Amino acid sequence: FNLKGRVYALLNYCPHSGAQLCRGPVTGTALPVDDFQYVYGYEGELVRCAWHGWEFKIATGEYLLDPKIRAKSYRVTIENNDDVVVYI
């Protein structure tokens, strides 16, 4: 994933039921607020599992509703100006 010029990699596996995360949209979500408003946030920073809608932060793999649950993330570098290297 390329988020605002920074590159991230997640295992293509949802920790909930094993769906391929690449099948879900890259999106944002409604943020929790205290006064009956809808506030949209994380635009373009989440991947949503296509099977059950679980939302993960692309930068960290963190599941939005429970930070203890994560999609596996990998360190990524750009080398020689255009080679994307994922450290597995």
N, C-alpha and C. Protein backbone atom coordinates (compact mmCIF):
# COMPACT_ATOMS: atom_id res chain seq x y z
N PHE A 1 0.84 -1.18 0.00
CA PHE A 1 0.00 0.00 0.00
C PHE A 1 0.88 1.24 0.00
N ASN A 2 0.48 2.25 -0.72
CA ASN A 2 1.17 3.54 -0.72
C ASN A 2 0.22 4.56 -0.09
N LEU A 3 0.57 5.02 1.09
CA LEU A 3 -0.22 6.02 1.80
C LEU A 3 0.55 7.32 1.87
N LYS A 4 0.15 8.27 1.07
CA LYS A 4 0.75 9.60 1.09
C LYS A 4 2.27 9.52 0.93
N GLY A 5 2.73 8.63 0.03
CA GLY A 5 4.16 8.52 -0.24
C GLY A 5 4.92 7.54 0.64
N ARG A 6 4.29 6.99 1.65
CA ARG A 6 4.93 5.96 2.49
C ARG A 6 4.35 4.61 2.10
N VAL A 7 5.20 3.59 2.09
CA VAL A 7 4.80 2.27 1.61
C VAL A 7 4.69 1.29 2.78
N TYR A 8 3.62 0.48 2.77
CA TYR A 8 3.34 -0.48 3.83
C TYR A 8 2.96 -1.82 3.21
N ALA A 9 3.17 -2.90 3.96
CA ALA A 9 2.77 -4.23 3.50
C ALA A 9 2.07 -4.97 4.63
N LEU A 10 0.97 -5.61 4.28
CA LEU A 10 0.24 -6.47 5.20
C LEU A 10 0.13 -7.86 4.60
N LEU A 11 0.11 -8.86 5.46
CA LEU A 11 -0.17 -10.21 5.01
C LEU A 11 -1.58 -10.22 4.44
N ASN A 12 -1.77 -10.85 3.32
CA ASN A 12 -3.05 -10.87 2.63
C ASN A 12 -3.99 -11.89 3.27
N TYR A 13 -4.23 -11.71 4.59
CA TYR A 13 -4.98 -12.69 5.37
C TYR A 13 -5.65 -11.96 6.53
N CYS A 14 -6.96 -12.03 6.60
CA CYS A 14 -7.68 -11.42 7.72
C CYS A 14 -7.59 -12.34 8.94
N PRO A 15 -7.16 -11.84 10.11
CA PRO A 15 -7.04 -12.70 11.28
C PRO A 15 -8.39 -13.18 11.83
N HIS A 16 -9.48 -12.62 11.36
CA HIS A 16 -10.80 -13.04 11.83
C HIS A 16 -11.22 -14.35 11.21
N SER A 17 -11.26 -14.41 9.86
CA SER A 17 -11.75 -15.62 9.19
C SER A 17 -10.91 -16.05 8.00
N GLY A 18 -9.78 -15.41 7.80
CA GLY A 18 -8.86 -15.85 6.76
C GLY A 18 -9.12 -15.31 5.36
N ALA A 19 -9.98 -14.33 5.21
CA ALA A 19 -10.24 -13.76 3.88
C ALA A 19 -9.01 -13.04 3.35
N GLN A 20 -8.93 -12.91 2.04
CA GLN A 20 -7.86 -12.14 1.42
C GLN A 20 -8.17 -10.65 1.59
N LEU A 21 -7.30 -9.94 2.29
CA LEU A 21 -7.53 -8.52 2.52
C LEU A 21 -7.50 -7.71 1.23
N CYS A 22 -6.77 -8.19 0.22
CA CYS A 22 -6.70 -7.46 -1.04
C CYS A 22 -8.05 -7.39 -1.75
N ARG A 23 -9.00 -8.22 -1.37
CA ARG A 23 -10.34 -8.21 -1.97
C ARG A 23 -11.23 -7.10 -1.41
N GLY A 24 -10.82 -6.51 -0.30
CA GLY A 24 -11.62 -5.45 0.33
C GLY A 24 -11.17 -4.08 -0.12
N PRO A 25 -12.01 -3.08 0.11
CA PRO A 25 -11.67 -1.72 -0.31
C PRO A 25 -10.68 -1.04 0.63
N VAL A 26 -9.92 -0.11 0.08
CA VAL A 26 -9.14 0.83 0.88
C VAL A 26 -10.06 2.00 1.11
N THR A 27 -10.26 2.38 2.36
CA THR A 27 -11.32 3.30 2.70
C THR A 27 -11.00 4.08 3.96
N GLY A 28 -11.98 4.79 4.46
CA GLY A 28 -11.97 5.42 5.77
C GLY A 28 -13.14 4.86 6.54
N THR A 29 -13.52 5.53 7.63
CA THR A 29 -14.62 5.03 8.43
C THR A 29 -15.24 6.15 9.26
N ALA A 30 -16.41 5.88 9.81
CA ALA A 30 -17.03 6.82 10.74
C ALA A 30 -16.29 6.73 12.08
N LEU A 31 -15.95 7.89 12.61
CA LEU A 31 -15.23 7.94 13.88
C LEU A 31 -16.21 8.09 15.04
N PRO A 32 -15.86 7.54 16.20
CA PRO A 32 -16.75 7.70 17.36
C PRO A 32 -16.71 9.15 17.86
N VAL A 33 -17.88 9.70 18.10
CA VAL A 33 -18.01 11.05 18.67
C VAL A 33 -19.09 11.01 19.74
N ASP A 34 -19.14 12.05 20.55
CA ASP A 34 -20.05 12.06 21.69
C ASP A 34 -21.38 12.75 21.43
N ASP A 35 -21.56 13.41 20.30
CA ASP A 35 -22.74 14.25 20.17
C ASP A 35 -23.59 13.97 18.93
N PHE A 36 -23.84 12.73 18.63
CA PHE A 36 -24.76 12.33 17.56
C PHE A 36 -24.40 12.88 16.18
N GLN A 37 -23.12 13.00 15.91
CA GLN A 37 -22.65 13.43 14.60
C GLN A 37 -22.00 12.24 13.91
N TYR A 38 -21.88 12.36 12.60
CA TYR A 38 -21.08 11.41 11.85
C TYR A 38 -19.84 12.14 11.37
N VAL A 39 -18.69 11.67 11.80
CA VAL A 39 -17.42 12.26 11.41
C VAL A 39 -16.62 11.18 10.69
N TYR A 40 -16.24 11.46 9.45
CA TYR A 40 -15.50 10.51 8.64
C TYR A 40 -14.01 10.75 8.85
N GLY A 41 -13.25 9.68 9.06
CA GLY A 41 -11.82 9.82 9.27
C GLY A 41 -11.05 8.65 8.68
N TYR A 42 -9.74 8.70 8.80
CA TYR A 42 -8.84 7.68 8.26
C TYR A 42 -9.02 7.49 6.75
N GLU A 43 -9.44 8.50 6.04
CA GLU A 43 -9.71 8.35 4.61
C GLU A 43 -8.49 7.80 3.87
N GLY A 44 -8.68 6.66 3.18
CA GLY A 44 -7.61 6.03 2.43
C GLY A 44 -6.55 5.35 3.27
N GLU A 45 -6.79 5.21 4.59
CA GLU A 45 -5.80 4.64 5.50
C GLU A 45 -6.20 3.28 6.05
N LEU A 46 -7.35 2.77 5.64
CA LEU A 46 -7.84 1.49 6.16
C LEU A 46 -8.07 0.52 5.02
N VAL A 47 -7.89 -0.76 5.31
CA VAL A 47 -8.35 -1.79 4.40
C VAL A 47 -9.47 -2.53 5.13
N ARG A 48 -10.57 -2.74 4.43
CA ARG A 48 -11.74 -3.38 5.03
C ARG A 48 -11.87 -4.80 4.47
N CYS A 49 -11.94 -5.78 5.35
CA CYS A 49 -12.10 -7.16 4.93
C CYS A 49 -13.41 -7.30 4.15
N ALA A 50 -13.33 -7.93 2.98
CA ALA A 50 -14.50 -8.07 2.11
C ALA A 50 -15.53 -9.06 2.69
N TRP A 51 -15.12 -9.95 3.55
CA TRP A 51 -16.06 -10.94 4.07
C TRP A 51 -16.95 -10.39 5.17
N HIS A 52 -16.37 -9.75 6.19
CA HIS A 52 -17.15 -9.34 7.36
C HIS A 52 -16.97 -7.87 7.74
N GLY A 53 -16.22 -7.12 6.95
CA GLY A 53 -16.11 -5.68 7.18
C GLY A 53 -15.14 -5.24 8.25
N TRP A 54 -14.33 -6.15 8.77
CA TRP A 54 -13.34 -5.72 9.76
C TRP A 54 -12.40 -4.72 9.13
N GLU A 55 -12.08 -3.64 9.85
CA GLU A 55 -11.25 -2.56 9.32
C GLU A 55 -9.89 -2.54 10.02
N PHE A 56 -8.84 -2.52 9.20
CA PHE A 56 -7.47 -2.55 9.70
C PHE A 56 -6.71 -1.32 9.23
N LYS A 57 -5.92 -0.73 10.14
CA LYS A 57 -5.06 0.38 9.77
C LYS A 57 -3.93 -0.17 8.90
N ILE A 58 -3.80 0.37 7.71
CA ILE A 58 -2.78 -0.11 6.78
C ILE A 58 -1.37 0.11 7.35
N ALA A 59 -1.14 1.20 8.03
CA ALA A 59 0.20 1.52 8.53
C ALA A 59 0.67 0.57 9.63
N THR A 60 -0.26 -0.02 10.38
CA THR A 60 0.13 -0.84 11.53
C THR A 60 -0.47 -2.24 11.52
N GLY A 61 -1.54 -2.46 10.76
CA GLY A 61 -2.26 -3.72 10.78
C GLY A 61 -3.29 -3.80 11.90
N GLU A 62 -3.37 -2.76 12.72
CA GLU A 62 -4.25 -2.77 13.89
C GLU A 62 -5.73 -2.79 13.49
N TYR A 63 -6.50 -3.68 14.13
CA TYR A 63 -7.94 -3.75 13.96
C TYR A 63 -8.55 -2.59 14.75
N LEU A 64 -9.44 -1.83 14.14
CA LEU A 64 -9.94 -0.61 14.78
C LEU A 64 -10.69 -0.85 16.08
N LEU A 65 -11.41 -1.94 16.19
CA LEU A 65 -12.22 -2.16 17.39
C LEU A 65 -11.48 -2.81 18.54
N ASP A 66 -10.34 -3.41 18.27
CA ASP A 66 -9.55 -4.06 19.32
C ASP A 66 -8.08 -4.04 18.92
N PRO A 67 -7.30 -3.10 19.46
CA PRO A 67 -5.90 -2.96 19.05
C PRO A 67 -5.03 -4.18 19.33
N LYS A 68 -5.53 -5.14 20.13
CA LYS A 68 -4.77 -6.37 20.37
C LYS A 68 -4.83 -7.31 19.17
N ILE A 69 -5.81 -7.11 18.29
CA ILE A 69 -5.94 -7.92 17.08
C ILE A 69 -5.30 -7.16 15.93
N ARG A 70 -4.46 -7.84 15.17
CA ARG A 70 -3.75 -7.18 14.08
C ARG A 70 -3.65 -8.09 12.87
N ALA A 71 -3.70 -7.46 11.71
CA ALA A 71 -3.27 -8.13 10.49
C ALA A 71 -1.74 -8.06 10.51
N LYS A 72 -1.09 -9.11 10.13
CA LYS A 72 0.38 -9.13 10.15
C LYS A 72 0.92 -8.07 9.20
N SER A 73 1.84 -7.25 9.71
CA SER A 73 2.46 -6.22 8.89
C SER A 73 3.95 -6.52 8.72
N TYR A 74 4.52 -5.98 7.66
CA TYR A 74 5.92 -6.21 7.34
C TYR A 74 6.63 -4.88 7.09
N ARG A 75 7.91 -4.87 7.42
CA ARG A 75 8.74 -3.70 7.14
C ARG A 75 8.98 -3.62 5.64
N VAL A 76 8.92 -2.40 5.09
CA VAL A 76 9.08 -2.18 3.66
C VAL A 76 10.07 -1.05 3.44
N THR A 77 10.93 -1.21 2.44
CA THR A 77 11.81 -0.12 2.02
C THR A 77 11.73 0.03 0.51
N ILE A 78 12.12 1.21 0.06
CA ILE A 78 12.26 1.47 -1.37
C ILE A 78 13.76 1.58 -1.64
N GLU A 79 14.26 0.78 -2.55
CA GLU A 79 15.69 0.77 -2.86
C GLU A 79 15.89 1.06 -4.34
N ASN A 80 17.02 1.67 -4.66
CA ASN A 80 17.36 2.02 -6.05
C ASN A 80 16.25 2.86 -6.69
N ASN A 81 15.61 3.69 -5.90
CA ASN A 81 14.59 4.65 -6.32
C ASN A 81 13.24 4.05 -6.70
N ASP A 82 13.16 2.74 -6.98
CA ASP A 82 11.84 2.23 -7.37
C ASP A 82 11.62 0.76 -7.01
N ASP A 83 12.57 0.09 -6.42
CA ASP A 83 12.39 -1.31 -6.02
C ASP A 83 11.76 -1.36 -4.64
N VAL A 84 10.58 -1.97 -4.55
CA VAL A 84 9.91 -2.15 -3.27
C VAL A 84 10.39 -3.46 -2.66
N VAL A 85 10.95 -3.38 -1.45
CA VAL A 85 11.47 -4.57 -0.77
C VAL A 85 10.65 -4.78 0.49
N VAL A 86 10.04 -5.96 0.59
CA VAL A 86 9.24 -6.34 1.77
C VAL A 86 10.05 -7.37 2.54
N TYR A 87 10.29 -7.09 3.83
CA TYR A 87 11.08 -7.98 4.69
C TYR A 87 10.14 -8.94 5.40
N ILE A 88 10.24 -10.22 5.00
CA ILE A 88 9.35 -11.25 5.56
C ILE A 88 10.11 -12.08 6.58
